N, C-alpha and C. Protein backbone atom coordinates (compact mmCIF):
# COMPACT_ATOMS: atom_id res chain seq x y z
N PRO A 1 -31.24 20.82 36.58
CA PRO A 1 -29.61 20.77 36.61
C PRO A 1 -28.62 19.98 35.46
N VAL A 2 -27.55 20.52 34.98
CA VAL A 2 -27.18 20.14 33.82
C VAL A 2 -26.82 18.08 33.99
N ARG A 3 -27.04 17.29 32.31
CA ARG A 3 -27.12 16.32 32.47
C ARG A 3 -25.95 15.88 31.79
N PHE A 4 -25.34 14.66 31.81
CA PHE A 4 -24.02 14.13 30.92
C PHE A 4 -24.40 12.84 30.73
N ASN A 5 -23.80 12.43 29.35
CA ASN A 5 -23.78 11.12 29.38
C ASN A 5 -22.76 10.42 30.32
N CYS A 6 -23.17 8.96 30.78
CA CYS A 6 -22.15 8.73 31.77
C CYS A 6 -20.72 7.94 31.30
N ARG A 7 -20.53 8.33 29.66
CA ARG A 7 -19.00 8.19 29.15
C ARG A 7 -18.80 9.77 28.85
N ASP A 8 -18.72 10.29 29.19
CA ASP A 8 -18.82 12.20 28.94
C ASP A 8 -17.67 12.33 29.37
N LYS A 9 -16.22 12.60 28.83
CA LYS A 9 -14.93 13.04 29.66
C LYS A 9 -15.22 14.26 30.08
N GLY A 10 -16.24 14.76 29.66
CA GLY A 10 -15.89 16.28 30.13
C GLY A 10 -16.51 16.46 31.34
N LEU A 11 -16.73 15.71 31.81
CA LEU A 11 -17.23 15.69 33.16
C LEU A 11 -16.40 14.47 34.40
N GLU A 12 -15.43 15.17 35.13
CA GLU A 12 -15.08 13.78 35.88
C GLU A 12 -15.01 14.02 37.88
N LEU A 13 -15.06 13.20 38.01
CA LEU A 13 -14.86 13.31 39.61
C LEU A 13 -13.64 13.55 39.89
N LEU A 14 -13.61 14.10 41.73
CA LEU A 14 -12.91 14.81 42.31
C LEU A 14 -12.35 14.14 43.60
N SER A 15 -13.23 12.85 43.97
CA SER A 15 -13.33 11.91 44.94
C SER A 15 -14.05 10.95 44.94
N ASP A 16 -14.08 9.94 45.59
CA ASP A 16 -14.58 9.11 45.43
C ASP A 16 -16.44 8.89 45.84
N PRO A 17 -17.17 8.30 45.06
CA PRO A 17 -18.91 8.75 45.68
C PRO A 17 -18.96 8.00 47.43
N VAL A 18 -20.29 8.66 47.72
CA VAL A 18 -20.37 8.57 48.17
C VAL A 18 -22.49 8.16 48.53
N LEU A 19 -22.83 7.50 49.27
CA LEU A 19 -24.41 6.89 48.60
C LEU A 19 -25.55 8.43 49.90
N VAL A 20 -25.79 8.99 48.41
CA VAL A 20 -26.78 10.41 48.98
C VAL A 20 -28.18 9.82 49.30
N GLU A 21 -29.03 9.24 48.49
CA GLU A 21 -30.26 8.93 48.80
C GLU A 21 -30.27 7.56 48.49
N ASP A 22 -31.60 6.43 49.00
CA ASP A 22 -31.40 4.73 49.01
C ASP A 22 -33.36 4.71 49.41
N VAL A 23 -33.55 4.73 47.84
CA VAL A 23 -35.00 4.30 48.42
C VAL A 23 -35.55 2.70 47.53
N THR A 24 -36.32 2.58 48.95
CA THR A 24 -36.69 1.44 48.39
C THR A 24 -38.32 1.44 48.20
N PHE A 25 -38.48 0.93 46.51
CA PHE A 25 -39.60 1.58 45.56
C PHE A 25 -40.64 0.49 46.19
N SER A 26 -40.52 -0.57 46.68
CA SER A 26 -41.77 -1.78 46.93
C SER A 26 -42.47 -1.42 48.14
N SER A 27 -41.72 -0.05 48.98
CA SER A 27 -41.81 0.52 50.11
C SER A 27 -42.00 2.21 50.06
N ILE A 28 -42.70 2.21 48.60
CA ILE A 28 -42.63 4.13 47.89
C ILE A 28 -43.88 4.46 49.56
N SER A 29 -44.79 4.14 49.74
CA SER A 29 -46.05 4.82 50.27
C SER A 29 -46.06 4.77 51.70
N ASN A 30 -44.25 4.09 52.26
CA ASN A 30 -44.47 3.88 53.50
C ASN A 30 -44.10 5.25 54.20
N LYS A 31 -44.67 6.07 55.41
CA LYS A 31 -44.52 7.17 55.93
C LYS A 31 -43.43 7.64 56.71
N ASP A 32 -42.59 6.26 57.10
CA ASP A 32 -41.59 6.37 57.77
C ASP A 32 -40.69 6.40 56.94
N GLN A 33 -40.50 5.55 56.12
CA GLN A 33 -39.59 5.59 54.60
C GLN A 33 -39.37 7.37 53.96
N ILE A 34 -40.61 8.08 53.76
CA ILE A 34 -40.58 9.29 53.63
C ILE A 34 -39.93 9.96 54.15
N ALA A 35 -40.48 9.58 55.62
CA ALA A 35 -39.43 10.49 56.68
C ALA A 35 -38.67 10.20 57.02
N LEU A 36 -38.16 9.45 56.68
CA LEU A 36 -36.51 9.02 56.99
C LEU A 36 -35.77 9.66 55.86
N ALA A 37 -35.88 9.39 54.97
CA ALA A 37 -35.18 9.94 53.55
C ALA A 37 -35.85 11.16 53.72
N SER A 38 -36.36 12.04 54.13
CA SER A 38 -36.72 13.72 54.23
C SER A 38 -35.68 13.98 54.92
N LYS A 39 -34.99 13.36 55.84
CA LYS A 39 -34.55 14.12 56.97
C LYS A 39 -33.07 14.84 56.18
N PRO A 40 -32.54 15.80 56.56
CA PRO A 40 -31.41 16.33 56.01
C PRO A 40 -30.19 15.85 56.05
N LYS A 41 -29.58 15.22 55.90
CA LYS A 41 -28.19 14.38 55.60
C LYS A 41 -26.99 15.41 55.00
N LYS A 42 -25.91 15.18 55.98
CA LYS A 42 -24.72 15.65 55.91
C LYS A 42 -23.58 14.84 54.87
N LEU A 43 -23.33 15.11 53.80
CA LEU A 43 -22.56 14.47 53.02
C LEU A 43 -20.95 15.51 53.13
N GLU A 44 -19.98 14.45 52.51
CA GLU A 44 -18.70 14.42 53.29
C GLU A 44 -17.55 13.95 52.07
N PHE A 45 -16.89 14.77 51.41
CA PHE A 45 -16.00 14.49 50.34
C PHE A 45 -14.61 15.08 50.39
N VAL A 46 -13.88 14.48 50.03
CA VAL A 46 -12.30 14.63 50.45
C VAL A 46 -11.53 14.79 49.18
N ILE A 47 -11.34 16.03 48.46
CA ILE A 47 -10.77 16.11 46.98
C ILE A 47 -9.39 14.82 46.79
N ASP A 48 -9.32 14.10 46.19
CA ASP A 48 -8.13 13.51 45.73
C ASP A 48 -7.54 13.68 44.99
N ALA A 49 -6.01 13.99 45.15
CA ALA A 49 -4.98 14.64 44.19
C ALA A 49 -4.48 13.88 43.03
N ASN A 50 -4.49 12.70 43.31
CA ASN A 50 -4.59 11.47 42.31
C ASN A 50 -5.56 11.98 41.14
N ARG A 51 -6.97 11.37 41.68
CA ARG A 51 -7.95 12.61 40.31
C ARG A 51 -7.52 13.25 39.60
N ILE A 52 -7.33 14.22 40.45
CA ILE A 52 -7.08 15.53 39.89
C ILE A 52 -5.84 15.55 38.49
N GLU A 53 -5.16 14.64 38.84
CA GLU A 53 -3.72 15.08 38.02
C GLU A 53 -4.14 13.75 37.15
N ARG A 54 -5.16 12.37 36.69
CA ARG A 54 -5.75 11.46 36.02
C ARG A 54 -6.75 12.51 35.48
N ASN A 55 -7.70 13.61 35.76
CA ASN A 55 -8.83 14.29 35.25
C ASN A 55 -8.01 15.32 34.44
N GLU A 56 -6.45 15.28 34.20
CA GLU A 56 -5.93 16.62 33.23
C GLU A 56 -5.62 15.96 32.17
N VAL A 57 -5.33 14.62 32.99
CA VAL A 57 -4.73 14.15 31.47
C VAL A 57 -5.78 13.63 30.72
N ASP A 58 -7.36 13.24 30.74
CA ASP A 58 -8.02 13.41 30.15
C ASP A 58 -8.51 14.03 29.54
N LEU A 59 -9.41 15.28 30.43
CA LEU A 59 -9.64 16.28 30.10
C LEU A 59 -8.96 16.93 28.69
N TYR A 60 -7.34 17.09 29.05
CA TYR A 60 -6.49 17.08 27.85
C TYR A 60 -6.62 16.62 26.70
N ASP A 61 -7.09 15.00 26.50
CA ASP A 61 -7.62 14.59 25.11
C ASP A 61 -8.87 14.65 24.43
N GLU A 62 -9.83 15.30 25.94
CA GLU A 62 -11.07 15.88 25.60
C GLU A 62 -11.06 16.90 24.62
N PHE A 63 -10.20 17.90 25.60
CA PHE A 63 -10.32 19.63 24.11
C PHE A 63 -9.28 19.52 23.15
N LYS A 64 -8.38 18.39 23.11
CA LYS A 64 -7.81 18.07 21.61
C LYS A 64 -8.47 17.57 21.25
N ARG A 65 -9.74 17.18 21.16
CA ARG A 65 -11.19 17.00 19.68
C ARG A 65 -11.52 17.80 19.32
N GLY A 66 -11.47 18.95 20.52
CA GLY A 66 -12.31 20.33 20.02
C GLY A 66 -11.25 21.26 19.01
N ASN A 67 -10.13 20.47 18.11
CA ASN A 67 -9.18 20.89 17.86
C ASN A 67 -8.67 22.24 18.37
N LEU A 68 -8.36 22.32 19.09
CA LEU A 68 -7.85 23.88 19.86
C LEU A 68 -6.13 23.25 20.13
N SER A 69 -5.15 24.50 19.86
CA SER A 69 -3.81 24.58 20.03
C SER A 69 -3.54 23.81 21.09
N LYS A 70 -2.26 22.60 21.30
CA LYS A 70 -1.86 22.71 22.24
C LYS A 70 -1.74 23.47 23.55
N GLN A 71 -1.20 24.42 23.95
CA GLN A 71 -1.01 25.43 24.85
C GLN A 71 -2.60 25.50 25.37
N GLN A 72 -3.94 25.96 24.26
CA GLN A 72 -5.04 25.76 24.95
C GLN A 72 -5.70 24.53 25.78
N CYS A 73 -5.21 23.52 25.35
CA CYS A 73 -5.90 22.45 25.66
C CYS A 73 -5.14 21.84 27.20
N THR A 74 -3.58 22.50 27.53
CA THR A 74 -3.13 22.16 28.75
C THR A 74 -3.59 23.02 29.56
N ASP A 75 -4.08 24.12 29.05
CA ASP A 75 -4.33 25.29 29.97
C ASP A 75 -6.11 24.99 30.42
N LEU A 76 -6.60 24.59 29.15
CA LEU A 76 -7.79 24.15 29.79
C LEU A 76 -8.17 23.19 31.04
N ALA A 77 -7.56 22.26 30.38
CA ALA A 77 -7.44 20.60 31.06
C ALA A 77 -6.57 21.00 32.66
N ARG A 78 -5.80 21.91 33.04
CA ARG A 78 -5.23 22.56 34.22
C ARG A 78 -6.47 22.89 34.86
N GLU A 79 -6.69 24.46 34.08
CA GLU A 79 -8.04 24.72 35.41
C GLU A 79 -9.24 24.29 35.68
N THR A 80 -9.54 23.28 34.48
CA THR A 80 -10.39 22.04 34.58
C THR A 80 -10.65 21.41 35.87
N ALA A 81 -9.42 20.57 35.51
CA ALA A 81 -9.14 19.65 36.66
C ALA A 81 -9.07 20.09 37.83
N HIS A 82 -8.52 21.25 38.10
CA HIS A 82 -7.65 21.50 39.73
C HIS A 82 -9.73 22.98 40.16
N SER A 83 -10.32 21.94 39.75
CA SER A 83 -11.63 23.00 40.00
C SER A 83 -13.15 22.11 40.10
N LEU A 84 -13.95 22.56 41.18
CA LEU A 84 -15.05 22.29 41.51
C LEU A 84 -16.77 22.75 40.72
N SER A 85 -16.87 22.12 39.99
CA SER A 85 -18.81 22.88 39.61
C SER A 85 -19.70 22.39 40.13
N GLY A 86 -20.15 20.76 40.76
CA GLY A 86 -21.35 20.85 41.53
C GLY A 86 -21.18 18.87 41.77
N ILE A 87 -22.06 18.67 42.53
CA ILE A 87 -22.07 17.42 42.92
C ILE A 87 -22.78 16.67 41.82
N ALA A 88 -22.28 15.52 41.34
CA ALA A 88 -22.66 14.53 40.78
C ALA A 88 -23.32 13.42 41.12
N PHE A 89 -24.72 12.98 40.59
CA PHE A 89 -25.41 12.07 41.19
C PHE A 89 -26.20 11.27 39.69
N TRP A 90 -26.10 9.72 40.72
CA TRP A 90 -26.19 8.99 38.90
C TRP A 90 -26.87 7.80 39.61
N PRO A 91 -27.94 6.84 39.15
CA PRO A 91 -28.30 5.74 39.71
C PRO A 91 -28.03 4.65 39.53
N ARG A 92 -28.11 3.57 41.27
CA ARG A 92 -27.83 2.53 40.51
C ARG A 92 -29.04 1.44 41.49
N LEU A 93 -29.33 0.95 40.75
CA LEU A 93 -30.65 0.10 41.33
C LEU A 93 -30.80 -1.85 41.26
N ILE A 94 -31.37 -1.82 42.80
CA ILE A 94 -30.69 -3.16 42.60
C ILE A 94 -31.83 -3.82 42.67
N LEU A 95 -31.80 -4.73 41.89
CA LEU A 95 -33.82 -5.54 41.54
C LEU A 95 -33.39 -6.51 43.00
N ASP A 96 -32.20 -7.41 42.73
CA ASP A 96 -32.65 -8.43 43.56
C ASP A 96 -31.25 -8.69 44.32
N ASP A 97 -31.22 -9.80 44.38
CA ASP A 97 -30.21 -10.36 45.23
C ASP A 97 -28.94 -10.33 44.13
N THR A 98 -29.04 -10.99 42.84
CA THR A 98 -28.03 -11.07 41.97
C THR A 98 -28.12 -9.93 40.35
N THR A 99 -29.13 -9.10 40.35
CA THR A 99 -29.66 -8.46 39.32
C THR A 99 -29.24 -6.41 39.77
N VAL A 100 -27.91 -6.16 39.67
CA VAL A 100 -27.74 -4.47 39.69
C VAL A 100 -27.60 -4.00 38.25
N ILE A 101 -27.97 -2.63 38.62
CA ILE A 101 -27.48 -2.00 36.77
C ILE A 101 -27.08 -0.85 37.59
N ASP A 102 -26.01 -0.50 37.01
CA ASP A 102 -25.19 0.37 37.16
C ASP A 102 -25.18 1.57 36.40
N SER A 103 -25.29 3.02 36.42
CA SER A 103 -25.37 3.74 35.34
C SER A 103 -23.59 4.57 35.53
N ARG A 104 -22.98 4.20 36.04
CA ARG A 104 -21.56 4.27 36.50
C ARG A 104 -21.15 2.89 37.00
N HIS A 105 -19.81 3.14 36.82
CA HIS A 105 -18.62 1.74 37.18
C HIS A 105 -19.33 2.12 38.88
N TYR A 106 -19.30 0.90 39.27
CA TYR A 106 -19.57 0.59 41.02
C TYR A 106 -18.54 0.99 41.20
N GLY A 107 -18.48 1.13 43.56
CA GLY A 107 -17.20 2.06 43.52
C GLY A 107 -16.38 2.83 43.73
N ASP A 108 -16.00 3.93 42.12
CA ASP A 108 -15.16 4.58 42.10
C ASP A 108 -16.17 5.39 41.12
N GLY A 109 -16.82 5.37 40.64
CA GLY A 109 -17.65 6.28 39.36
C GLY A 109 -17.31 6.12 38.25
N ASN A 110 -16.40 5.46 37.94
CA ASN A 110 -15.87 5.78 36.71
C ASN A 110 -16.80 5.56 35.95
N HIS A 111 -16.32 5.97 34.10
CA HIS A 111 -17.17 6.26 33.37
C HIS A 111 -18.07 4.92 32.70
N GLN A 112 -18.90 4.90 32.00
CA GLN A 112 -19.21 3.24 31.51
C GLN A 112 -20.95 3.70 30.71
N LYS A 113 -20.66 3.01 30.07
CA LYS A 113 -21.89 3.07 29.10
C LYS A 113 -23.70 3.13 29.33
N SER A 114 -24.32 3.55 29.41
CA SER A 114 -25.40 3.66 30.12
C SER A 114 -26.32 4.72 29.42
N HIS A 115 -28.07 3.68 29.19
CA HIS A 115 -28.39 4.82 29.26
C HIS A 115 -29.16 5.85 29.90
N TRP A 116 -28.71 6.35 31.39
CA TRP A 116 -28.90 6.74 32.06
C TRP A 116 -27.96 7.87 32.22
N GLN A 117 -27.89 9.46 32.86
CA GLN A 117 -27.35 9.94 32.48
C GLN A 117 -27.17 10.22 34.08
N THR A 118 -25.58 11.08 34.18
CA THR A 118 -25.53 11.68 35.50
C THR A 118 -25.79 13.06 35.24
N VAL A 119 -26.18 14.05 36.51
CA VAL A 119 -27.26 14.68 36.80
C VAL A 119 -26.35 15.80 37.46
N LEU A 120 -25.47 16.75 37.33
CA LEU A 120 -24.96 17.98 38.29
C LEU A 120 -25.23 18.64 38.05
N PRO A 121 -26.52 19.14 39.25
CA PRO A 121 -26.22 19.90 39.70
C PRO A 121 -25.29 21.26 40.21
N ILE A 122 -25.18 21.97 39.54
CA ILE A 122 -24.33 23.62 39.63
C ILE A 122 -24.55 23.90 40.98
N MET A 123 -23.20 23.97 42.16
CA MET A 123 -23.16 24.36 43.62
C MET A 123 -22.79 26.11 43.26
N ALA A 124 -22.31 26.95 42.37
CA ALA A 124 -22.30 28.11 42.29
C ALA A 124 -21.89 28.55 40.69
N GLY A 125 -21.95 30.24 41.10
CA GLY A 125 -21.93 30.94 39.39
C GLY A 125 -20.53 30.63 38.77
N ARG A 126 -19.75 30.24 39.29
CA ARG A 126 -18.24 29.87 39.04
C ARG A 126 -17.76 28.77 39.29
N PRO A 127 -17.07 27.40 39.06
CA PRO A 127 -16.49 26.62 39.08
C PRO A 127 -15.24 27.39 40.60
N VAL A 128 -15.39 26.23 41.44
CA VAL A 128 -13.97 26.51 42.57
C VAL A 128 -12.63 26.28 42.20
N PRO A 129 -12.19 27.53 42.19
CA PRO A 129 -10.57 27.17 41.34
C PRO A 129 -9.51 26.69 42.19
N ASP A 130 -8.56 26.23 42.01
CA ASP A 130 -6.98 26.30 42.47
C ASP A 130 -7.16 25.13 43.35
N LEU A 131 -7.92 23.68 43.29
CA LEU A 131 -7.92 22.55 44.07
C LEU A 131 -6.86 21.84 43.78
N VAL A 132 -5.98 21.22 45.01
CA VAL A 132 -5.18 20.48 45.02
C VAL A 132 -4.49 18.95 45.43
N GLY A 133 -6.06 18.63 46.46
CA GLY A 133 -5.92 18.21 46.54
C GLY A 133 -6.49 17.66 48.30
N GLY A 134 -7.10 17.43 49.10
CA GLY A 134 -7.29 17.34 50.40
C GLY A 134 -7.96 18.39 50.73
N GLU A 135 -8.89 19.14 50.12
CA GLU A 135 -10.01 19.68 50.48
C GLU A 135 -11.14 19.67 51.24
N ARG A 136 -11.34 19.47 51.97
CA ARG A 136 -13.39 19.03 52.15
C ARG A 136 -14.52 19.85 51.11
N VAL A 137 -14.67 18.91 51.10
CA VAL A 137 -16.64 19.51 50.66
C VAL A 137 -17.58 19.06 51.20
N SER A 138 -17.80 19.81 51.69
CA SER A 138 -19.39 19.33 53.06
C SER A 138 -20.60 20.33 52.04
N VAL A 139 -21.63 18.77 52.08
CA VAL A 139 -23.11 19.51 51.36
C VAL A 139 -24.07 19.16 52.39
N ASN A 140 -24.97 19.95 52.99
CA ASN A 140 -25.97 19.71 53.37
C ASN A 140 -27.20 19.74 52.46
N ALA A 141 -27.73 18.27 52.42
CA ALA A 141 -28.74 17.79 51.61
C ALA A 141 -30.23 17.95 52.26
N GLN A 142 -30.76 18.22 51.21
CA GLN A 142 -32.47 17.39 51.48
C GLN A 142 -33.28 17.46 50.31
N PHE A 143 -33.42 15.84 50.68
CA PHE A 143 -34.77 15.74 49.61
C PHE A 143 -36.05 15.06 49.99
N ASN A 144 -36.59 15.92 49.03
CA ASN A 144 -38.57 15.80 49.07
C ASN A 144 -38.89 15.50 48.53
N TRP A 145 -39.68 14.20 48.95
CA TRP A 145 -40.59 13.06 48.06
C TRP A 145 -41.75 12.86 48.63
N SER A 146 -42.90 12.31 47.10
CA SER A 146 -44.13 12.54 47.65
C SER A 146 -44.49 11.18 47.44
N THR A 147 -45.65 10.28 48.10
CA THR A 147 -45.92 8.90 47.62
C THR A 147 -46.76 9.14 45.86
N ASP A 148 -47.19 10.09 45.36
CA ASP A 148 -47.47 10.82 44.78
C ASP A 148 -46.56 11.02 43.20
N VAL A 149 -46.44 9.33 42.80
CA VAL A 149 -45.71 9.48 41.76
C VAL A 149 -45.66 10.75 40.27
N SER A 150 -46.57 10.94 39.82
CA SER A 150 -47.10 12.51 39.54
C SER A 150 -45.88 13.40 39.83
N LYS A 151 -45.89 13.61 40.88
CA LYS A 151 -45.10 15.20 41.60
C LYS A 151 -43.36 14.22 41.59
N PRO A 152 -42.73 15.20 41.30
CA PRO A 152 -41.57 15.05 40.84
C PRO A 152 -40.52 15.11 42.31
N CYS A 153 -39.56 14.80 42.69
CA CYS A 153 -38.76 15.03 44.38
C CYS A 153 -38.16 16.25 43.91
N THR A 154 -38.07 16.68 45.28
CA THR A 154 -37.38 18.53 44.59
C THR A 154 -36.00 17.82 46.00
N TYR A 155 -35.09 18.80 45.39
CA TYR A 155 -33.60 18.08 46.84
C TYR A 155 -33.34 20.18 46.00
N ARG A 156 -32.46 20.06 47.79
CA ARG A 156 -31.73 21.29 48.25
C ARG A 156 -30.22 21.30 48.48
N LEU A 157 -29.37 21.57 47.66
CA LEU A 157 -27.84 21.54 48.32
C LEU A 157 -26.99 22.95 48.42
N ASP A 158 -26.97 22.69 49.53
CA ASP A 158 -25.80 24.16 50.19
C ASP A 158 -24.79 22.84 50.61
N GLY A 159 -23.45 23.83 50.10
CA GLY A 159 -22.16 23.55 50.02
C GLY A 159 -21.12 24.11 50.38
N THR A 160 -20.01 23.32 51.16
CA THR A 160 -18.73 24.64 50.97
C THR A 160 -17.73 23.97 50.88
N VAL A 161 -16.97 24.37 50.47
CA VAL A 161 -15.38 23.83 50.71
C VAL A 161 -14.15 24.47 51.51
N THR A 162 -13.62 23.59 52.18
CA THR A 162 -12.51 23.94 52.94
C THR A 162 -11.03 23.39 52.80
N ARG A 163 -10.56 24.24 52.32
CA ARG A 163 -9.30 23.97 52.02
C ARG A 163 -8.26 23.99 53.25
N SER A 164 -7.43 22.51 52.42
CA SER A 164 -6.81 22.07 53.07
C SER A 164 -5.53 23.52 54.08
N ALA A 165 -5.21 22.23 55.06
CA ALA A 165 -3.90 23.71 56.05
C ALA A 165 -3.09 23.75 55.27
């Protein structure tokens, strides 16, 4: 998957974040936890029209830094802000009751300084265009992980976008 710096304005969110997986490292070898984490999950997102609007402004500024014409910036920002490329993932570590490490702003997923990257599995060969807000994104997610730390986790994501009526 593509990886982005957590402050990269080229990656903007279209909805509020949802919890995708919850791993308790202190019981990583617990077979019940592995079985629970490996169960298929259904994730649901609703595209937010307000986020699209804010993203268009941020993307315009980002494209402007690339020395494009005003019209090119406007066109690219609009096209990009109204499209879906993939599902963004990033870590949030809860070390104890008072120590939490967030790689993106907790709650809304906004940008912030972090050493961890945002991972963006691309969901289709071309971005889903012409989003206006209210569309539902449904993702079937399958996570497989092992107690052997030398073996990486694997993820399978299948999704659909349903346009609002």
